[in-house]
């Protein structure tokens, strides 16, 4: 896939994860941390 097509697909909201190699993905200089989130129960 060429970069122009990648950008067009990404900007158009298409799922581009199939063309990415995520096996080596990381976020340098950012440590991982756990957070807890409570969501309201909308069925009540």
Protein backbone atom coordinates (compact mmCIF):
# COMPACT_ATOMS: atom_id res chain seq x y z
CA UNK A 1 0.00 0.00 0.00
CA UNK A 2 1.35 3.40 -0.91
CA UNK A 3 1.48 6.20 1.66
CA UNK A 4 -1.10 8.31 -0.17
CA UNK A 5 -3.62 5.44 -0.14
CA UNK A 6 -2.81 4.75 3.53
CA UNK A 7 -3.48 8.41 4.41
CA UNK A 8 -6.70 8.46 2.40
CA UNK A 9 -7.98 5.30 4.07
CA UNK A 10 -6.96 6.50 7.55
CA UNK A 11 -8.52 9.93 7.10
CA UNK A 12 -11.65 8.30 5.69
CA UNK A 13 -12.14 6.28 8.86
CA UNK A 14 -11.28 2.90 7.36
CA UNK A 15 -9.65 0.18 9.47
CA UNK A 16 -5.95 0.25 8.54
CA UNK A 17 -4.72 -2.19 11.20
CA UNK A 18 -4.54 -5.03 8.67
CA UNK A 19 -1.64 -3.30 6.90
CA UNK A 20 0.32 -2.49 10.08
CA UNK A 21 2.93 -4.72 11.73
CA UNK A 22 1.96 -4.34 15.38
CA UNK A 23 4.29 -7.07 16.67
CA UNK A 24 7.01 -4.53 17.49
CA UNK A 25 4.75 -1.60 18.39
CA UNK A 26 5.67 0.35 21.52
CA UNK A 27 5.45 3.83 22.97
CA UNK A 28 8.98 4.99 23.75
CA UNK A 29 9.60 7.02 26.90
CA UNK A 30 6.14 6.23 28.29
CA UNK A 31 5.73 3.78 31.12
CA UNK A 32 2.59 1.70 31.46
CA UNK A 33 0.18 2.39 34.29
CA UNK A 34 -3.13 0.90 35.33
CA UNK A 35 -6.23 3.01 35.87
CA UNK A 36 -9.73 2.13 37.05
CA UNK A 37 -12.79 3.61 35.37
CA UNK A 38 -16.39 3.39 36.57
CA UNK A 39 -19.18 3.73 34.01
CA UNK A 40 -22.81 4.42 34.88
CA UNK A 41 -25.26 1.54 34.55
CA UNK A 42 -27.65 2.71 31.84
CA UNK A 43 -30.00 -0.29 32.28
CA UNK A 44 -31.11 0.84 35.74
